[in-house]
Amino acid sequence: MLRQHLAEVEQHIAPGERHVVRQTRIIDELTRGCPHGLSGRFASYLCQLQVRHRAHRDRIPKELEAVEPASGLEMGIIHQLIQEAAIEPEMVSCITKAYAQTLHALCVKDRDDPLTEMVAKKIIKVAQSGAHDPTEISALAIKELEMR
């Protein structure tokens, strides 16, 4: 999902750059000889929006790293359990981040380790109890796993 979003953002950035340049030229032509108060601010606003779009694009790979750990550990079991539990779409990213953080904290690197399924189930249970922060969900899941 994040990879698709990154691709879409990339597709919009380049045309956005061209549109800003074009709109700035049009504004300059239309306001030649006039005070540039409002028109100058509008052109500046367009440039600021483009900067925000680029910043957003630059944040997506960091989000991908959180969801897809550098170890290459597959997220298959968590996604399977998320689908089975009918998790709200806005919570999926939070849960997968918590799952990745928890596996990292527990030093689980083998995707075939039976602990991965236990962790995934515990993460979903904690998230369904009302926690919404990945770090908090991870900490609570680890605490509950240690109690077993």
Protein backbone atom coordinates (compact mmCIF):
# COMPACT_ATOMS: atom_id res chain seq x y z
CA MET A 1 0.00 0.00 0.00
CA LEU A 2 2.81 2.45 0.90
CA ARG A 3 4.75 1.44 -2.19
CA GLN A 4 1.72 2.21 -4.35
CA HIS A 5 1.29 5.55 -2.56
CA LEU A 6 4.97 6.37 -3.15
CA ALA A 7 4.59 5.59 -6.85
CA GLU A 8 1.52 7.84 -7.06
CA VAL A 9 3.28 10.67 -5.26
CA GLU A 10 6.28 10.33 -7.58
CA GLN A 11 3.92 10.58 -10.57
CA HIS A 12 2.50 13.84 -9.23
CA ILE A 13 5.74 15.56 -8.18
CA ALA A 14 7.25 16.12 -11.65
CA PRO A 15 4.06 17.47 -13.27
CA GLY A 16 3.55 19.57 -10.14
CA GLU A 17 6.99 21.13 -10.62
CA ARG A 18 6.12 21.99 -14.23
CA HIS A 19 2.75 23.44 -13.21
CA VAL A 20 4.33 25.67 -10.58
CA VAL A 21 6.83 27.03 -13.10
CA ARG A 22 4.06 27.57 -15.67
CA GLN A 23 1.71 29.24 -13.18
CA THR A 24 4.50 31.49 -11.91
CA ARG A 25 5.21 32.63 -15.49
CA ILE A 26 1.52 33.29 -16.10
CA ILE A 27 1.26 35.27 -12.88
CA ASP A 28 4.36 37.28 -13.85
CA GLU A 29 2.91 38.03 -17.29
CA LEU A 30 -0.50 39.01 -15.97
CA THR A 31 0.88 41.25 -13.23
CA ARG A 32 3.68 42.93 -15.18
CA GLY A 33 3.70 46.57 -14.14
CA CYS A 34 1.32 45.98 -11.24
CA PRO A 35 2.10 45.76 -7.54
CA HIS A 36 2.87 42.11 -6.77
CA GLY A 37 1.21 41.86 -3.39
CA LEU A 38 -1.39 39.15 -3.90
CA SER A 39 0.07 37.63 -7.06
CA GLY A 40 3.52 37.27 -5.52
CA ARG A 41 2.04 35.62 -2.46
CA PHE A 42 0.08 33.19 -4.64
CA ALA A 43 3.20 32.18 -6.55
CA SER A 44 5.02 31.74 -3.24
CA TYR A 45 2.14 29.63 -1.95
CA LEU A 46 2.38 27.33 -4.99
CA CYS A 47 6.10 26.87 -4.37
CA GLN A 48 5.48 26.12 -0.68
CA LEU A 49 2.90 23.48 -1.61
CA GLN A 50 5.40 21.81 -3.91
CA VAL A 51 8.00 21.79 -1.13
CA ARG A 52 5.45 20.09 1.13
CA HIS A 53 4.70 17.49 -1.55
CA ARG A 54 8.42 16.69 -1.88
CA ALA A 55 8.77 16.47 1.92
CA HIS A 56 5.80 14.09 2.03
CA ARG A 57 7.40 11.97 -0.70
CA ASP A 58 10.65 11.89 1.26
CA ARG A 59 8.87 10.62 4.40
CA ILE A 60 7.29 7.61 2.68
CA PRO A 61 10.52 5.54 2.41
CA LYS A 62 11.02 6.03 6.16
CA GLU A 63 7.51 4.71 6.78
CA LEU A 64 8.29 1.77 4.51
CA GLU A 65 11.38 0.98 6.57
CA ALA A 66 9.27 0.87 9.72
CA VAL A 67 6.77 -1.48 8.08
CA GLU A 68 9.35 -3.57 6.22
CA PRO A 69 12.26 -4.17 8.58
CA ALA A 70 15.75 -4.10 7.12
CA SER A 71 16.16 -7.75 8.12
CA GLY A 72 13.83 -8.64 5.27
CA LEU A 73 11.45 -10.41 7.62
CA GLU A 74 8.22 -11.01 5.76
CA MET A 75 5.10 -9.45 7.17
CA GLY A 76 2.84 -12.20 5.82
CA ILE A 77 1.41 -13.52 9.07
CA ILE A 78 0.48 -10.10 10.42
CA HIS A 79 -1.27 -9.17 7.18
CA GLN A 80 -3.14 -12.48 7.15
CA LEU A 81 -4.30 -11.97 10.74
CA ILE A 82 -5.23 -8.33 10.05
CA GLN A 83 -7.50 -9.46 7.23
CA GLU A 84 -9.06 -12.18 9.36
CA ALA A 85 -9.67 -9.71 12.22
CA ALA A 86 -11.23 -7.12 9.88
CA ILE A 87 -8.98 -4.34 11.18
CA GLU A 88 -9.87 -0.77 10.18
CA PRO A 89 -7.64 0.43 7.30
CA GLU A 90 -6.28 3.38 9.28
CA MET A 91 -4.96 0.97 11.94
CA VAL A 92 -3.11 -1.35 9.55
CA SER A 93 0.01 0.81 9.33
CA CYS A 94 0.08 1.26 13.09
CA ILE A 95 -0.23 -2.48 13.69
CA THR A 96 2.41 -3.46 11.15
CA LYS A 97 4.83 -0.90 12.61
CA ALA A 98 4.19 -2.26 16.10
CA TYR A 99 4.72 -5.81 14.82
CA ALA A 100 8.05 -4.89 13.19
CA GLN A 101 9.19 -3.03 16.33
CA THR A 102 8.24 -5.96 18.54
CA LEU A 103 10.04 -8.54 16.41
CA HIS A 104 13.10 -6.29 16.38
CA ALA A 105 12.96 -5.82 20.17
CA LEU A 106 12.65 -9.58 20.67
CA CYS A 107 15.49 -10.23 18.16
CA VAL A 108 13.26 -12.44 16.00
CA LYS A 109 14.80 -12.68 12.56
CA ASP A 110 13.51 -16.01 11.28
CA ARG A 111 10.11 -15.67 9.60
CA ASP A 112 9.44 -19.35 10.35
CA ASP A 113 9.92 -18.83 14.08
CA PRO A 114 6.64 -19.78 15.83
CA LEU A 115 7.04 -16.65 17.92
CA THR A 116 6.12 -14.50 14.90
CA GLU A 117 2.53 -15.72 14.97
CA MET A 118 2.26 -15.33 18.74
CA VAL A 119 3.60 -11.77 18.44
CA ALA A 120 1.21 -10.95 15.59
CA LYS A 121 -1.80 -12.20 17.54
CA LYS A 122 -0.75 -10.30 20.65
CA ILE A 123 -0.17 -7.08 18.66
CA ILE A 124 -3.65 -7.30 17.15
CA LYS A 125 -5.21 -8.04 20.55
CA VAL A 126 -3.49 -5.01 22.12
CA ALA A 127 -4.47 -2.77 19.19
CA GLN A 128 -8.08 -3.91 19.44
CA SER A 129 -8.08 -2.99 23.13
CA GLY A 130 -7.74 0.67 22.17
CA ALA A 131 -4.02 1.43 21.88
CA HIS A 132 -3.17 3.43 18.76
CA ASP A 133 0.54 4.21 19.01
CA PRO A 134 2.89 1.59 17.48
CA THR A 135 5.47 2.01 20.26
CA GLU A 136 2.82 1.67 22.95
CA ILE A 137 1.27 -1.37 21.26
CA SER A 138 4.70 -2.99 20.96
CA ALA A 139 5.56 -2.33 24.62
CA LEU A 140 2.22 -3.68 25.86
CA ALA A 141 2.49 -6.76 23.65
CA ILE A 142 6.01 -7.50 24.92
CA LYS A 143 4.82 -7.04 28.50
CA GLU A 144 1.93 -9.46 27.94
CA LEU A 145 4.18 -11.99 26.20
CA GLU A 146 6.61 -11.88 29.12
CA MET A 147 3.75 -12.72 31.52
CA ARG A 148 3.08 -16.04 29.76
